[in-house]
């Protein structure tokens, strides 16, 4: 499809919750962990390319640069992606613990972003067509006559070709359901409050994502919500929220996919607010509340942000995302719709109040010069439907989700079986890439298994609902059920593995029985080991005194200091 004009930033984080396999991020960062025999980063890159975005930057700490560079140039799945290849950006100030919003403040990152941009994590698996998401955003926010322009009380200039002048473009985030058939115990969730958008003049066509888009008015993690309710013994709601939005919807089982479509001005907002550390909680959370909480937009410096951006647009005569030769009222050019249903008052009409008000306007007051009200562009939320037939959206940031998603992808029909047009974008060419390595007297349930290149399976072995990486060796009599094996794993004779994840080049001794275990890369499990729910790791100089996740920063829906900047 044609390039949509977006840039993409893929954040390659440390993978703390996958520490069994990312204990040495310099050699094997999280972005390279295989999901269904493809590097994790492949799914984010493929999604961008499929929607037409080719200007892609991988943001990674300098310590992981060499490993990712090597993978981009050598891994066959990554080298088969379309050109041009993604650029690696490793700012000097970026560490494994840097916050996502803090990343956007880094000088090197701000320098490479020249227009509207997409932010996504390296661990996202998104089967949803990205171009449909872009289309929905462009219609609601980025197009000519976007949602932020629809209000008749907007007093700024009409929207121009660049789409920026009509109250500023808004943003869009994605949330997905965590409960259902693919439910994983312990998966993180977020607390989200949305309000419905005004019904469009023309209903969206069937299959459009616009019917699942609403206005985001509040977002935080479930942990923060729990802290608020435990402290206050209830969940307080601000009056300002109810006054602004009479109908709201509260969601507690959805999770932020960390997929965001941002207008360029967001960079200035982040730069001016150095206390913002997280995109999800701080940037998006505060932005959502600024639309209804009195005074918050001023505290965030949004008025100054918009003024600064407009000054730069005036200097250059154009916006980053398109030429702006002159201001145009697009509605006046339409034969079916006008952008100004309410007649503009004449100068004489401005000289008096409505007829029910007896007091005339004093001659000294010129209403034509009244300061325009600050219009906050909305941050919208796409709430992904939870129907069984809905495309897969998942963040793979724990071992349990890694196992679940890998096994789900293994069940997809191969291109060989169903043909490319009917296949999922994540389908492999073959379910068993090297049939010659599988002994005749072995059992493999092909419908739910995936075997990569050069896998050897000896006689009397049984493999069910499993993913086997390249160059693995399954010795005779071994039984594997619901397992994921990364490249180069050796499973000894008569082993029984159930629900296990084995890292690269790991070895399991003969007659071992493992259930729900994780084995670190290169680790050797002794013969006849019997274990359940254990992690086989080598701890070298690792400080085990690790603090738990940071708690949220206070109450921000109701009570509290109205003058405080709340997270």
Protein backbone atom coordinates (compact mmCIF):
# COMPACT_ATOMS: atom_id res chain seq x y z
CA UNK A 1 0.00 0.00 0.00
CA UNK A 2 1.17 3.65 -0.40
CA UNK A 3 3.32 5.04 2.38
CA UNK A 4 1.10 6.78 4.97
CA UNK A 5 3.76 9.33 5.89
CA UNK A 6 4.29 8.01 9.41
CA UNK A 7 7.50 7.22 11.21
CA UNK A 8 7.68 4.24 13.56
CA UNK A 9 9.63 3.97 16.80
CA UNK A 10 9.99 0.41 18.12
CA UNK A 11 11.13 0.39 21.74
CA UNK A 12 13.41 -2.56 22.46
CA UNK A 13 13.29 -2.92 26.24
CA UNK A 14 15.29 -5.08 28.65
CA UNK A 15 12.75 -7.89 29.20
CA UNK A 16 12.99 -8.07 32.99
CA UNK A 17 9.97 -10.38 33.23
CA UNK A 18 11.68 -12.78 30.80
CA UNK A 19 14.91 -12.82 32.80
CA UNK A 20 15.42 -16.57 32.38
CA UNK A 21 16.29 -15.87 28.75
CA UNK A 22 17.45 -12.22 28.90
CA UNK A 23 19.89 -12.34 31.80
CA UNK A 24 22.61 -11.19 29.38
CA UNK A 25 20.96 -8.49 27.23
CA UNK A 26 24.28 -7.61 25.60
CA UNK A 27 24.35 -10.98 23.84
CA UNK A 28 20.68 -11.91 23.70
CA UNK A 29 18.28 -8.97 24.24
CA UNK A 30 14.55 -9.40 24.63
CA UNK A 31 13.90 -8.28 21.03
CA UNK A 32 15.56 -11.46 19.73
CA UNK A 33 13.66 -14.00 21.84
CA UNK A 34 11.93 -16.34 19.37
CA UNK A 35 8.13 -16.46 19.23
CA UNK A 36 6.97 -19.41 17.11
CA UNK A 37 10.51 -19.68 15.66
CA UNK A 38 10.77 -16.02 14.60
CA UNK A 39 12.63 -13.27 16.50
CA UNK A 40 10.28 -11.16 18.58
CA UNK A 41 11.24 -7.98 16.72
CA UNK A 42 10.14 -9.57 13.42
CA UNK A 43 6.47 -9.21 14.37
CA UNK A 44 6.73 -5.46 15.06
CA UNK A 45 8.75 -4.85 11.89
CA UNK A 46 6.44 -6.95 9.73
CA UNK A 47 3.39 -5.11 11.08
CA UNK A 48 4.93 -1.74 10.15
CA UNK A 49 5.90 -2.88 6.67
CA UNK A 50 2.45 -4.36 6.02
CA UNK A 51 0.80 -1.00 6.74
CA UNK A 52 3.24 0.81 4.46
CA UNK A 53 5.58 2.35 7.04
CA UNK A 54 9.22 2.04 6.03
CA UNK A 55 10.79 4.85 8.07
CA UNK A 56 11.47 2.71 11.16
CA UNK A 57 13.84 3.23 14.06
CA UNK A 58 14.67 0.58 16.64
CA UNK A 59 15.39 2.35 19.95
CA UNK A 60 17.73 0.24 22.06
CA UNK A 61 20.36 0.75 24.78
CA UNK A 62 23.91 0.90 23.38
CA UNK A 63 24.77 -2.37 25.13
CA UNK A 64 22.35 -4.33 22.91
CA UNK A 65 23.23 -2.66 19.61
CA UNK A 66 25.72 -5.23 18.32
CA UNK A 67 23.42 -8.19 18.94
CA UNK A 68 20.49 -6.54 17.14
CA UNK A 69 22.69 -5.37 14.26
CA UNK A 70 23.98 -8.91 13.78
CA UNK A 71 20.45 -10.32 13.80
CA UNK A 72 19.20 -7.80 11.22
CA UNK A 73 22.01 -8.75 8.86
CA UNK A 74 22.12 -12.52 9.47
CA UNK A 75 18.79 -13.90 10.71
CA UNK A 76 16.88 -15.25 7.68
CA UNK A 77 13.51 -14.08 8.98
CA UNK A 78 14.77 -10.51 9.43
CA UNK A 79 16.75 -10.37 6.19
CA UNK A 80 13.65 -11.45 4.25
CA UNK A 81 11.72 -8.35 5.33
CA UNK A 82 11.18 -5.60 2.71
CA UNK A 83 13.66 -2.81 2.11
CA UNK A 84 14.71 -0.38 3.44
CA UNK A 85 15.97 -2.00 6.60
CA UNK A 86 15.14 -0.45 9.96
CA UNK A 87 17.66 1.93 11.47
CA UNK A 88 19.07 1.29 14.94
CA UNK A 89 19.16 4.27 17.29
CA UNK A 90 21.14 3.79 20.51
CA UNK A 91 21.19 7.11 22.43
CA UNK A 92 24.04 7.45 24.91
CA UNK A 93 21.67 8.40 27.72
CA UNK A 94 19.42 5.35 27.24
CA UNK A 95 19.76 2.56 29.78
CA UNK A 96 17.93 -0.70 30.43
CA UNK A 97 15.82 1.09 33.06
CA UNK A 98 14.89 4.28 31.17
CA UNK A 99 11.18 5.15 31.14
CA UNK A 100 9.34 5.13 27.83
CA UNK A 101 8.38 8.81 28.01
CA UNK A 102 11.93 9.69 29.03
CA UNK A 103 13.08 8.04 25.79
CA UNK A 104 11.04 10.54 23.78
CA UNK A 105 12.85 13.40 25.55
CA UNK A 106 16.30 12.22 24.47
CA UNK A 107 17.90 14.62 22.02
CA UNK A 108 18.82 11.89 19.53
CA UNK A 109 15.23 10.61 19.44
CA UNK A 110 13.69 14.06 19.02
CA UNK A 111 16.11 14.76 16.18
CA UNK A 112 14.99 11.81 14.04
CA UNK A 113 11.23 12.46 14.36
CA UNK A 114 10.09 14.92 11.72
CA UNK A 115 6.33 14.30 11.59
CA UNK A 116 3.47 12.29 13.05
CA UNK A 117 4.77 9.03 14.45
CA UNK A 118 3.87 5.57 15.70
CA UNK A 119 5.25 4.15 18.95
CA UNK A 120 5.10 0.43 19.68
CA UNK A 121 7.01 -2.11 21.80
CA UNK A 122 9.19 -4.87 20.41
CA UNK A 123 7.06 -7.51 22.18
CA UNK A 124 3.73 -6.80 20.46
CA UNK A 125 2.01 -9.47 18.35
CA UNK A 126 -0.65 -7.73 16.27
CA UNK A 127 -2.65 -9.59 13.66
CA UNK A 128 -4.92 -6.58 13.18
CA UNK A 129 -4.36 -4.82 9.85
CA UNK A 130 -2.33 -1.74 10.73
CA UNK A 131 -3.63 0.18 7.74
CA UNK A 132 -7.16 -0.08 9.19
CA UNK A 133 -5.93 1.53 12.40
CA UNK A 134 -4.21 4.31 10.46
CA UNK A 135 -7.34 4.88 8.42
CA UNK A 136 -9.46 5.18 11.55
CA UNK A 137 -7.02 7.69 13.06
CA UNK A 138 -6.85 9.74 9.88
CA UNK A 139 -10.65 9.94 9.66
CA UNK A 140 -11.14 10.75 13.34
CA UNK A 141 -8.10 12.96 13.88
CA UNK A 142 -5.64 13.43 11.08
CA UNK A 143 -7.82 14.02 8.05
CA UNK A 144 -9.37 17.19 6.73
CA UNK A 145 -12.16 17.99 9.18
CA UNK A 146 -10.89 15.81 12.05
CA UNK A 147 -12.72 15.18 15.31
CA UNK A 148 -10.97 17.97 17.17
CA UNK A 149 -12.39 20.46 14.67
CA UNK A 150 -16.01 19.38 14.94
CA UNK A 151 -16.91 21.74 17.79
CA UNK A 152 -18.68 24.93 16.68
CA UNK A 153 -17.28 26.84 19.64
CA UNK A 154 -13.74 26.46 18.33
CA UNK A 155 -12.46 29.98 17.65
CA UNK A 156 -9.15 29.24 16.02
CA UNK A 157 -8.37 29.16 12.30
CA UNK A 158 -10.01 26.54 10.13
CA UNK A 159 -8.16 23.33 9.33
CA UNK A 160 -5.55 23.51 6.61
CA UNK A 161 -4.01 20.94 4.31
CA UNK A 162 -1.69 19.72 7.05
CA UNK A 163 -4.63 19.03 9.34
CA UNK A 164 -3.01 20.80 12.27
CA UNK A 165 -4.74 24.15 12.55
CA UNK A 166 -8.21 23.00 13.60
CA UNK A 167 -7.61 22.60 17.31
CA UNK A 168 -4.52 20.37 16.87
CA UNK A 169 -4.53 16.69 15.97
CA UNK A 170 -5.23 14.16 18.69
CA UNK A 171 -3.77 10.73 19.31
CA UNK A 172 -4.90 7.12 19.38
CA UNK A 173 -4.01 4.16 21.61
CA UNK A 174 -4.91 0.47 21.50
CA UNK A 175 -6.28 -1.72 24.31
CA UNK A 176 -7.04 -5.45 24.13
CA UNK A 177 -8.98 -7.94 26.26
CA UNK A 178 -6.91 -10.26 28.48
CA UNK A 179 -9.69 -12.64 29.50
CA UNK A 180 -11.08 -15.35 27.27
CA UNK A 181 -9.87 -18.50 25.55
CA UNK A 182 -6.24 -17.36 25.65
CA UNK A 183 -6.41 -16.23 29.28
CA UNK A 184 -3.01 -16.33 30.99
CA UNK A 185 -2.96 -16.30 34.77
CA UNK A 186 -1.23 -13.27 36.23
CA UNK A 187 -1.21 -11.17 33.05
CA UNK A 188 -1.08 -7.43 33.71
CA UNK A 189 -4.22 -5.37 33.15
CA UNK A 190 -5.07 -1.68 33.09
CA UNK A 191 -7.97 0.37 34.37
CA UNK A 192 -9.50 2.40 31.56
CA UNK A 193 -12.41 4.83 31.43
CA UNK A 194 -13.80 5.85 28.05
CA UNK A 195 -16.58 8.13 26.86
CA UNK A 196 -18.48 7.74 23.58
CA UNK A 197 -17.77 10.00 20.63
CA UNK A 198 -20.50 11.93 18.91
CA UNK A 199 -22.25 9.89 16.26
CA UNK A 200 -20.82 10.71 12.82
CA UNK A 201 -22.99 12.22 10.13
CA UNK A 202 -22.15 9.29 7.88
CA UNK A 203 -22.06 5.91 9.69
CA UNK A 204 -18.78 3.99 9.37
CA UNK A 205 -18.84 1.14 6.85
CA UNK A 206 -19.13 -2.46 7.95
CA UNK A 207 -15.81 -3.78 9.23
CA UNK A 208 -14.47 -0.33 10.10
CA UNK A 209 -12.58 0.01 13.37
CA UNK A 210 -14.27 3.35 14.03
CA UNK A 211 -17.20 1.69 15.78
CA UNK A 212 -14.76 0.48 18.48
CA UNK A 213 -13.12 3.87 19.01
CA UNK A 214 -14.07 6.11 21.91
CA UNK A 215 -12.57 9.02 23.80
CA UNK A 216 -10.10 8.08 26.53
CA UNK A 217 -10.77 10.02 29.75
CA UNK A 218 -8.71 8.04 32.27
CA UNK A 219 -6.05 5.34 32.18
CA UNK A 220 -3.81 3.77 34.80
CA UNK A 221 -2.49 0.40 35.82
CA UNK A 222 -4.53 -2.00 37.92
CA UNK A 223 -1.84 -1.81 40.62
CA UNK A 224 -2.36 1.95 40.91
CA UNK A 225 -6.12 1.47 41.02
CA UNK A 226 -5.69 -1.07 43.81
CA UNK A 227 -3.55 1.37 45.80
CA UNK A 228 -6.20 4.09 45.44
CA UNK A 229 -9.08 1.87 46.54
CA UNK A 230 -7.12 0.42 49.47
CA UNK A 231 -6.17 3.87 50.72
CA UNK A 232 -9.60 5.49 50.31
CA UNK A 233 -11.74 2.35 50.78
CA UNK A 234 -13.58 3.37 47.62
CA UNK A 235 -12.94 4.68 44.13
CA UNK A 236 -13.61 8.44 44.07
CA UNK A 237 -14.82 10.15 40.90
CA UNK A 238 -14.16 13.80 40.18
CA UNK A 239 -17.18 16.01 39.54
CA UNK A 240 -15.38 17.48 36.55
CA UNK A 241 -15.37 14.12 34.82
CA UNK A 242 -19.11 13.65 35.31
CA UNK A 243 -19.88 17.21 34.20
CA UNK A 244 -17.88 16.76 31.01
CA UNK A 245 -18.93 13.19 30.21
CA UNK A 246 -22.32 12.03 31.43
CA UNK A 247 -21.82 8.54 29.99
CA UNK A 248 -18.63 6.66 30.75
CA UNK A 249 -17.51 3.06 30.49
CA UNK A 250 -15.07 1.48 32.94
CA UNK A 251 -12.89 -1.44 31.82
CA UNK A 252 -10.82 -3.57 34.20
CA UNK A 253 -9.82 -6.62 32.13
CA UNK A 254 -8.20 -4.81 29.21
CA UNK A 255 -4.52 -4.10 28.73
CA UNK A 256 -2.68 -1.26 27.04
CA UNK A 257 -0.99 -2.64 23.91
CA UNK A 258 1.44 0.31 23.99
CA UNK A 259 0.61 1.04 20.35
CA UNK A 260 0.20 4.79 19.97
CA UNK A 261 -0.39 7.10 17.02
CA UNK A 262 0.94 10.51 18.04
CA UNK A 263 0.93 13.90 16.33
CA UNK A 264 4.28 15.64 16.16
CA UNK A 265 3.41 18.22 18.84
CA UNK A 266 3.46 15.49 21.52
CA UNK A 267 7.27 15.64 21.46
CA UNK A 268 7.12 19.24 22.66
CA UNK A 269 4.67 18.27 25.41
CA UNK A 270 7.04 15.57 26.67
CA UNK A 271 10.03 17.87 26.46
CA UNK A 272 8.34 20.53 28.59
CA UNK A 273 7.25 18.01 31.26
CA UNK A 274 10.40 16.33 32.51
CA UNK A 275 8.46 14.52 35.26
CA UNK A 276 6.81 12.30 32.65
CA UNK A 277 8.50 8.91 32.82
CA UNK A 278 5.97 6.49 31.32
CA UNK A 279 4.06 6.97 28.07
CA UNK A 280 1.17 4.84 29.29
CA UNK A 281 0.66 6.27 32.79
CA UNK A 282 2.08 9.78 32.51
CA UNK A 283 1.85 11.02 28.93
CA UNK A 284 -1.39 9.30 27.92
CA UNK A 285 -2.90 9.36 31.42
CA UNK A 286 -2.37 13.09 31.97
CA UNK A 287 -3.37 13.95 28.41
CA UNK A 288 -6.67 12.07 28.84
CA UNK A 289 -7.47 13.93 32.06
CA UNK A 290 -6.49 17.32 30.64
CA UNK A 291 -9.60 17.13 28.48
CA UNK A 292 -11.91 17.39 31.50
CA UNK A 293 -9.88 18.37 34.59
CA UNK A 294 -9.87 22.15 34.97
CA UNK A 295 -6.43 23.69 34.95
CA UNK A 296 -4.49 20.53 34.15
CA UNK A 297 -3.83 21.52 30.53
CA UNK A 298 -2.28 24.77 31.71
CA UNK A 299 -0.10 22.95 34.24
CA UNK A 300 1.07 20.64 31.47
CA UNK A 301 2.00 23.71 29.40
CA UNK A 302 -0.21 22.72 26.48
CA UNK A 303 -1.10 26.30 25.60
CA UNK A 304 2.57 27.15 25.30
CA UNK A 305 3.16 23.92 23.37
CA UNK A 306 0.54 24.83 20.76
CA UNK A 307 1.76 28.40 20.49
CA UNK A 308 5.35 27.31 19.99
CA UNK A 309 4.39 24.78 17.32
CA UNK A 310 2.21 27.29 15.47
CA UNK A 311 5.02 29.85 15.56
CA UNK A 312 7.34 27.35 13.90
CA UNK A 313 4.71 26.48 11.32
CA UNK A 314 4.32 30.16 10.56
CA UNK A 315 8.07 30.56 10.11
CA UNK A 316 8.41 27.64 7.74
CA UNK A 317 5.08 28.04 5.97
CA UNK A 318 4.35 24.36 6.22
CA UNK A 319 3.90 21.53 8.68
CA UNK A 320 6.13 18.47 8.81
CA UNK A 321 3.38 16.19 7.55
CA UNK A 322 2.21 18.26 4.56
CA UNK A 323 2.28 21.65 2.85
CA UNK A 324 0.08 24.38 4.24
CA UNK A 325 -0.02 27.05 1.55
CA UNK A 326 -3.19 28.72 2.79
CA UNK A 327 -5.95 28.18 5.30
CA UNK A 328 -9.01 26.54 3.79
CA UNK A 329 -12.54 25.88 5.02
CA UNK A 330 -12.94 22.41 3.53
CA UNK A 331 -16.59 22.19 4.56
CA UNK A 332 -17.45 25.15 2.34
CA UNK A 333 -16.19 23.20 -0.68
CA UNK A 334 -18.46 20.20 -0.05
CA UNK A 335 -21.81 19.79 -1.83
CA UNK A 336 -23.17 17.46 0.86
CA UNK A 337 -21.90 18.89 4.14
CA UNK A 338 -20.91 22.25 5.52
CA UNK A 339 -18.45 22.78 8.30
CA UNK A 340 -20.32 25.77 9.76
CA UNK A 341 -23.96 24.90 10.39
CA UNK A 342 -24.36 27.88 12.70
CA UNK A 343 -24.32 31.24 10.87
CA UNK A 344 -21.49 33.46 11.92
CA UNK A 345 -22.73 36.46 13.89
CA UNK A 346 -22.32 39.88 12.37
CA UNK A 347 -20.42 42.61 14.12
CA UNK A 348 -23.70 44.24 15.12
CA UNK A 349 -25.00 40.96 16.57
CA UNK A 350 -21.91 40.66 18.70
CA UNK A 351 -22.78 43.94 20.40
CA UNK A 352 -25.58 42.47 22.49
CA UNK A 353 -26.39 39.38 24.52
CA UNK A 354 -29.32 37.09 23.84
CA UNK A 355 -32.79 38.70 23.96
CA UNK A 356 -33.55 37.30 27.39
CA UNK A 357 -30.65 39.32 28.82
CA UNK A 358 -31.63 42.90 29.34
CA UNK A 359 -28.19 44.32 30.02
CA UNK A 360 -26.39 45.39 26.81
CA UNK A 361 -22.71 44.90 26.29
CA UNK A 362 -20.72 47.91 27.43
CA UNK A 363 -19.21 49.82 24.49
CA UNK A 364 -15.74 49.29 25.92
CA UNK A 365 -15.97 45.49 25.53
CA UNK A 366 -14.99 44.14 22.12
CA UNK A 367 -16.14 40.55 21.92
CA UNK A 368 -14.40 40.06 18.61
CA UNK A 369 -11.06 40.11 20.42
CA UNK A 370 -12.07 37.69 23.18
CA UNK A 371 -9.32 35.19 23.96
CA UNK A 372 -10.10 31.79 22.46
CA UNK A 373 -10.63 28.91 24.82
CA UNK A 374 -7.83 26.36 24.90
CA UNK A 375 -9.08 23.33 22.96
CA UNK A 376 -7.49 20.05 24.08
CA UNK A 377 -7.21 17.57 21.22
CA UNK A 378 -8.56 14.20 22.33
CA UNK A 379 -6.63 11.03 22.94
CA UNK A 380 -8.78 8.25 21.51
CA UNK A 381 -8.91 4.60 22.51
CA UNK A 382 -9.41 1.68 20.16
CA UNK A 383 -10.93 -1.06 22.32
CA UNK A 384 -10.21 -4.31 20.52
CA UNK A 385 -13.24 -6.66 20.49
CA UNK A 386 -12.93 -9.89 22.45
CA UNK A 387 -14.78 -12.16 20.04
CA UNK A 388 -13.12 -15.53 19.22
CA UNK A 389 -12.74 -14.53 15.57
CA UNK A 390 -11.06 -11.21 16.36
CA UNK A 391 -7.43 -10.79 15.19
CA UNK A 392 -4.78 -11.58 17.77
CA UNK A 393 -3.27 -8.69 19.74
CA UNK A 394 -0.96 -9.63 22.60
CA UNK A 395 2.07 -8.35 24.44
CA UNK A 396 4.59 -11.14 24.97
CA UNK A 397 6.40 -9.95 28.08
CA UNK A 398 6.23 -12.98 30.39
CA UNK A 399 7.20 -16.62 29.98
CA UNK A 400 3.59 -17.78 30.36
CA UNK A 401 2.43 -15.49 27.53
CA UNK A 402 5.44 -16.52 25.41
CA UNK A 403 4.35 -20.13 25.74
CA UNK A 404 0.66 -19.40 25.12
CA UNK A 405 1.18 -17.21 22.04
CA UNK A 406 3.81 -19.51 20.51
CA UNK A 407 1.47 -22.50 20.80
CA UNK A 408 -1.41 -20.50 19.34
CA UNK A 409 0.66 -19.47 16.32
CA UNK A 410 1.77 -23.08 15.86
CA UNK A 411 -1.87 -23.99 15.17
CA UNK A 412 -2.10 -21.68 12.16
CA UNK A 413 -2.38 -23.35 8.77
CA UNK A 414 0.84 -23.21 6.80
CA UNK A 415 1.13 -21.48 3.44
CA UNK A 416 1.75 -24.92 1.94
CA UNK A 417 -1.64 -26.13 3.24
CA UNK A 418 -3.95 -23.15 2.74
CA UNK A 419 -2.21 -20.91 0.21
CA UNK A 420 -0.85 -17.44 0.92
CA UNK A 421 -4.06 -15.40 0.29
CA UNK A 422 -6.04 -17.38 2.88
CA UNK A 423 -3.30 -17.56 5.50
CA UNK A 424 -2.58 -15.45 8.52
CA UNK A 425 0.33 -13.02 8.07
CA UNK A 426 2.11 -15.09 10.75
CA UNK A 427 1.79 -18.41 8.91
CA UNK A 428 4.98 -20.36 8.14
CA UNK A 429 5.74 -21.89 4.77
CA UNK A 430 5.72 -25.40 6.27
CA UNK A 431 4.67 -26.89 9.61
CA UNK A 432 7.67 -29.25 9.47
CA UNK A 433 10.50 -27.48 7.66
CA UNK A 434 12.77 -30.57 7.44
CA UNK A 435 10.68 -33.76 7.12
CA UNK A 436 13.82 -35.79 6.44
CA UNK A 437 14.96 -35.32 10.05
CA UNK A 438 11.85 -36.97 11.53
CA UNK A 439 12.07 -40.73 12.12
CA UNK A 440 9.23 -42.84 10.73
CA UNK A 441 8.44 -44.45 14.08
CA UNK A 442 7.76 -41.14 15.82
CA UNK A 443 4.55 -39.22 16.42
CA UNK A 444 4.08 -35.50 15.70
CA UNK A 445 0.64 -33.86 15.75
CA UNK A 446 1.16 -31.68 12.71
CA UNK A 447 -1.97 -29.57 13.25
CA UNK A 448 -0.64 -27.95 16.43
CA UNK A 449 3.14 -28.32 16.08
CA UNK A 450 5.81 -26.26 14.39
CA UNK A 451 9.28 -27.64 13.63
CA UNK A 452 12.01 -25.40 12.21
CA UNK A 453 14.90 -26.23 9.92
CA UNK A 454 17.33 -29.07 10.66
CA UNK A 455 15.34 -30.58 13.56
CA UNK A 456 16.13 -34.22 14.30
CA UNK A 457 13.48 -36.41 15.94
CA UNK A 458 14.51 -39.97 16.77
CA UNK A 459 12.28 -43.05 16.91
CA UNK A 460 9.52 -43.57 19.48
CA UNK A 461 9.42 -39.85 20.27
CA UNK A 462 6.04 -38.15 20.72
CA UNK A 463 5.61 -34.39 20.13
CA UNK A 464 2.23 -32.74 20.73
CA UNK A 465 1.28 -29.05 20.60
CA UNK A 466 4.87 -27.81 20.66
CA UNK A 467 7.23 -25.42 18.90
CA UNK A 468 10.73 -26.74 18.12
CA UNK A 469 13.47 -24.33 17.06
CA UNK A 470 16.16 -24.85 14.44
CA UNK A 471 18.92 -27.44 14.96
CA UNK A 472 17.20 -29.14 17.90
CA UNK A 473 17.73 -32.83 18.63
CA UNK A 474 14.97 -34.91 20.24
CA UNK A 475 16.35 -38.29 21.24
CA UNK A 476 14.48 -41.60 21.22
CA UNK A 477 11.52 -42.13 23.52
CA UNK A 478 11.17 -38.47 24.51
CA UNK A 479 7.68 -37.04 25.02
CA UNK A 480 7.01 -33.30 24.61
CA UNK A 481 3.62 -31.71 25.31
CA UNK A 482 2.92 -27.95 25.12
CA UNK A 483 6.60 -27.04 25.05
CA UNK A 484 8.68 -24.34 23.35
CA UNK A 485 12.29 -25.17 22.46
CA UNK A 486 14.59 -22.46 21.16
CA UNK A 487 17.43 -23.13 18.71
CA UNK A 488 19.96 -25.86 19.36
CA UNK A 489 18.22 -27.65 22.26
CA UNK A 490 19.02 -31.30 23.02
CA UNK A 491 16.41 -33.44 24.81
CA UNK A 492 17.71 -36.71 26.21
CA UNK A 493 16.29 -40.19 25.86
CA UNK A 494 12.95 -40.97 27.47
CA UNK A 495 12.48 -37.46 28.84
CA UNK A 496 8.99 -36.21 29.62
CA UNK A 497 8.51 -32.45 29.22
CA UNK A 498 5.18 -30.70 29.77
CA UNK A 499 4.58 -26.94 29.55
CA UNK A 500 8.31 -26.13 29.49
CA UNK A 501 10.36 -23.42 27.76
CA UNK A 502 13.98 -24.30 26.95
CA UNK A 503 16.46 -21.59 26.00
CA UNK A 504 19.01 -21.76 23.20
CA UNK A 505 21.47 -24.65 23.34
CA UNK A 506 19.98 -25.96 26.59
CA UNK A 507 20.31 -29.68 27.33
CA UNK A 508 17.99 -31.95 29.30
CA UNK A 509 19.51 -35.19 30.61
CA UNK A 510 17.97 -38.56 29.88
CA UNK A 511 14.85 -39.78 31.73
CA UNK A 512 14.18 -36.34 33.20
CA UNK A 513 10.61 -35.35 34.03
CA UNK A 514 9.98 -31.59 33.89
CA UNK A 515 6.64 -29.79 34.18
CA UNK A 516 6.10 -26.03 33.79
CA UNK A 517 9.84 -25.37 33.96
CA UNK A 518 12.14 -22.81 32.32
CA UNK A 519 15.72 -23.63 31.36
CA UNK A 520 18.21 -20.84 30.74
CA UNK A 521 20.23 -20.61 27.54
CA UNK A 522 23.10 -23.11 27.55
CA UNK A 523 22.05 -24.64 30.85
CA UNK A 524 22.40 -28.41 31.34
CA UNK A 525 19.75 -30.27 33.34
CA UNK A 526 21.19 -33.40 34.97
CA UNK A 527 19.97 -36.88 34.10
CA UNK A 528 16.84 -38.16 35.83
CA UNK A 529 15.86 -34.74 37.13
CA UNK A 530 12.29 -34.50 38.41
CA UNK A 531 11.04 -30.92 38.76
CA UNK A 532 7.88 -28.86 38.58
CA UNK A 533 7.56 -25.08 38.17
CA UNK A 534 11.29 -24.43 38.53
CA UNK A 535 13.74 -22.14 36.72
CA UNK A 536 17.09 -23.67 35.85
CA UNK A 537 19.46 -20.70 35.82
CA UNK A 538 23.05 -19.85 36.64
CA UNK A 539 23.28 -16.78 38.87
CA UNK A 540 26.59 -15.02 38.47
CA UNK A 541 26.92 -11.87 40.54
CA UNK A 542 23.19 -11.20 40.31
CA UNK A 543 21.77 -9.12 43.14
CA UNK A 544 18.69 -11.00 44.29
CA UNK A 545 17.42 -8.06 46.33
CA UNK A 546 15.19 -6.66 43.61
CA UNK A 547 12.39 -4.33 44.50
CA UNK A 548 8.87 -5.04 43.27
CA UNK A 549 7.09 -2.89 40.71
CA UNK A 550 6.76 0.75 41.53
CA UNK A 551 3.37 1.73 42.85
CA UNK A 552 1.29 4.44 41.26
CA UNK A 553 1.51 8.07 42.23
CA UNK A 554 -1.64 8.96 43.99
CA UNK A 555 -5.28 9.57 43.31
CA UNK A 556 -6.11 11.38 40.12
CA UNK A 557 -9.78 10.83 39.41
CA UNK A 558 -11.40 12.60 42.29
CA UNK A 559 -10.19 13.86 45.67
CA UNK A 560 -6.79 15.25 46.39
CA UNK A 561 -5.27 18.64 45.82
CA UNK A 562 -6.91 20.25 42.79
CA UNK A 563 -3.79 22.36 42.26
CA UNK A 564 -1.39 19.41 42.23
CA UNK A 565 -0.24 17.83 39.00
CA UNK A 566 -1.55 14.31 39.42
CA UNK A 567 -0.27 11.24 37.68
